[in-house]
Structure formats: C-alpha cells, structure tokens
C-alpha cells in the first residue's frame, strides 16, 4: 500500500509541476505582451494599454486561433520536451529584449 501512495504522490507532484510551469509560462507571455503593447501599439495607434491578465487572454486566443502545430501529433522524447519547455520561457524574453533595444533606437 505504501508503494501505491508513494507513486500517487509522485504523480501528483509531476502534475503540480506541469501546472505550475504552464501558469508561469502564461504569466511570462502575458507580461511580455503587455510591455510590448505599451511600447509599440499604444503610441502608434493611440490605443489604451492592456493589463497582464488581458494579455494572457489575448495570448490564449492567439494560440487557439493558430491551431495545433505538426509537432503536436507525434510523441516526444524527453530532450524535445525539455527543449520546448526552455523555449516557452526564452522566446518571450528574447522578444522583450529586442523590443527594448528598438525602443532605445527610436
């Protein structure tokens, strides 16, 4: 019985870690989108700034409209899963860095 409880504990920890990583990734994307929106969209089109929660919602809508990618259908190795997880945090930070550099130039 204790092996079952330990296995259940590991599964719960793994699920909790996945949910935490997804939530953190959504927050990072939302933060980056709201900052980039404030830097470029607000001055260019005289639109109001957006909150992080609005930006998270917009990110969810954009990914929903984009649809599944061809990689979503095949099973992935651990290395591919780690690479996708790292990219989920690196891509928005790279976009934020490039946006910041552009604001320095204009």
Protein backbone atom coordinates (compact mmCIF):
# COMPACT_ATOMS: atom_id res chain seq x y z
CA UNK A 1 0.00 0.00 0.00
CA UNK A 2 2.83 2.42 0.77
CA UNK A 3 4.25 1.90 -2.75
CA UNK A 4 0.91 2.94 -4.18
CA UNK A 5 0.79 6.06 -2.01
CA UNK A 6 4.35 6.97 -2.97
CA UNK A 7 3.55 6.50 -6.68
CA UNK A 8 0.42 8.60 -6.29
CA UNK A 9 2.48 11.27 -4.54
CA UNK A 10 4.97 11.32 -7.44
CA UNK A 11 2.19 11.62 -9.99
CA UNK A 12 0.60 14.48 -8.05
CA UNK A 13 3.95 16.27 -7.80
CA UNK A 14 4.56 15.85 -11.53
CA UNK A 15 1.09 17.16 -12.38
CA UNK A 16 1.54 20.07 -9.98
CA UNK A 17 4.89 20.89 -11.55
CA UNK A 18 3.41 20.84 -15.04
CA UNK A 19 0.53 23.08 -13.98
CA UNK A 20 2.94 25.49 -12.25
CA UNK A 21 5.17 25.63 -15.35
CA UNK A 22 2.16 26.32 -17.58
CA UNK A 23 0.93 29.07 -15.27
CA UNK A 24 4.38 30.67 -15.08
CA UNK A 25 4.77 30.46 -18.85
CA UNK A 26 1.36 32.09 -19.36
CA UNK A 27 2.31 34.87 -16.95
CA UNK A 28 5.64 35.48 -18.71
CA UNK A 29 3.94 35.64 -22.13
CA UNK A 30 1.26 37.96 -20.74
CA UNK A 31 3.81 40.24 -19.12
CA UNK A 32 5.91 40.46 -22.27
CA UNK A 33 2.87 41.11 -24.47
CA UNK A 34 1.61 43.86 -22.16
CA UNK A 35 5.01 45.57 -22.11
CA UNK A 36 5.48 45.31 -25.88
CA UNK A 37 1.92 46.57 -26.35
CA UNK A 38 2.72 49.60 -24.22
CA UNK A 39 5.94 50.29 -26.07
CA UNK A 40 4.67 49.96 -29.64
CA UNK A 41 0.89 49.72 -30.01
CA UNK A 42 -0.14 52.46 -27.58
CA UNK A 43 1.98 55.23 -29.17
CA UNK A 44 1.45 54.09 -32.76
CA UNK A 45 -2.33 53.66 -32.70
CA UNK A 46 -3.36 55.66 -29.62
CA UNK A 47 -4.95 52.57 -28.06
CA UNK A 48 -5.14 52.06 -24.30
CA UNK A 49 -2.56 49.94 -22.54
CA UNK A 50 -3.55 46.41 -21.54
CA UNK A 51 -3.17 44.59 -18.26
CA UNK A 52 -1.22 41.37 -17.84
CA UNK A 53 -4.45 39.38 -17.43
CA UNK A 54 -5.81 40.83 -20.69
CA UNK A 55 -2.52 39.99 -22.41
CA UNK A 56 -2.69 36.41 -21.09
CA UNK A 57 -6.21 36.13 -22.50
CA UNK A 58 -5.06 37.51 -25.85
CA UNK A 59 -2.18 35.01 -25.90
CA UNK A 60 -4.61 32.16 -25.25
CA UNK A 61 -6.89 33.37 -28.05
CA UNK A 62 -3.96 33.72 -30.48
CA UNK A 63 -2.70 30.21 -29.72
CA UNK A 64 -6.23 28.83 -30.05
CA UNK A 65 -6.69 30.51 -33.44
CA UNK A 66 -3.28 29.29 -34.59
CA UNK A 67 -4.31 25.68 -34.11
CA UNK A 68 -2.13 22.68 -33.44
CA UNK A 69 1.36 22.53 -34.86
CA UNK A 70 2.57 19.45 -36.76
CA UNK A 71 4.75 18.51 -33.74
CA UNK A 72 1.68 18.16 -31.50
CA UNK A 73 0.61 14.86 -33.06
CA UNK A 74 3.76 12.82 -32.52
CA UNK A 75 5.18 11.57 -29.27
CA UNK A 76 8.20 13.44 -27.99
CA UNK A 77 11.39 12.36 -26.30
CA UNK A 78 12.50 13.87 -23.01
CA UNK A 79 15.06 16.05 -24.81
CA UNK A 80 12.38 17.52 -27.09
CA UNK A 81 10.12 18.14 -24.12
CA UNK A 82 12.91 19.93 -22.23
CA UNK A 83 13.70 22.00 -25.33
CA UNK A 84 10.07 23.06 -25.69
CA UNK A 85 9.89 23.95 -22.01
CA UNK A 86 13.01 26.12 -22.25
CA UNK A 87 11.71 27.76 -25.43
CA UNK A 88 8.47 28.61 -23.64
CA UNK A 89 10.46 30.91 -21.36
CA UNK A 90 13.28 32.01 -23.67
CA UNK A 91 11.17 33.15 -26.65
CA UNK A 92 9.24 35.85 -24.80
CA UNK A 93 12.36 37.10 -23.05
CA UNK A 94 14.19 37.38 -26.38
CA UNK A 95 11.21 39.29 -27.82
CA UNK A 96 11.24 41.61 -24.82
CA UNK A 97 14.97 42.21 -25.22
CA UNK A 98 14.63 43.03 -28.93
CA UNK A 99 11.68 45.31 -28.18
CA UNK A 100 13.70 47.12 -25.51
CA UNK A 101 16.59 47.62 -27.97
CA UNK A 102 14.19 49.04 -30.55
CA UNK A 103 12.81 51.50 -28.01
CA UNK A 104 16.35 52.75 -27.43
CA UNK A 105 16.88 53.38 -31.14
CA UNK A 106 13.69 55.26 -31.96
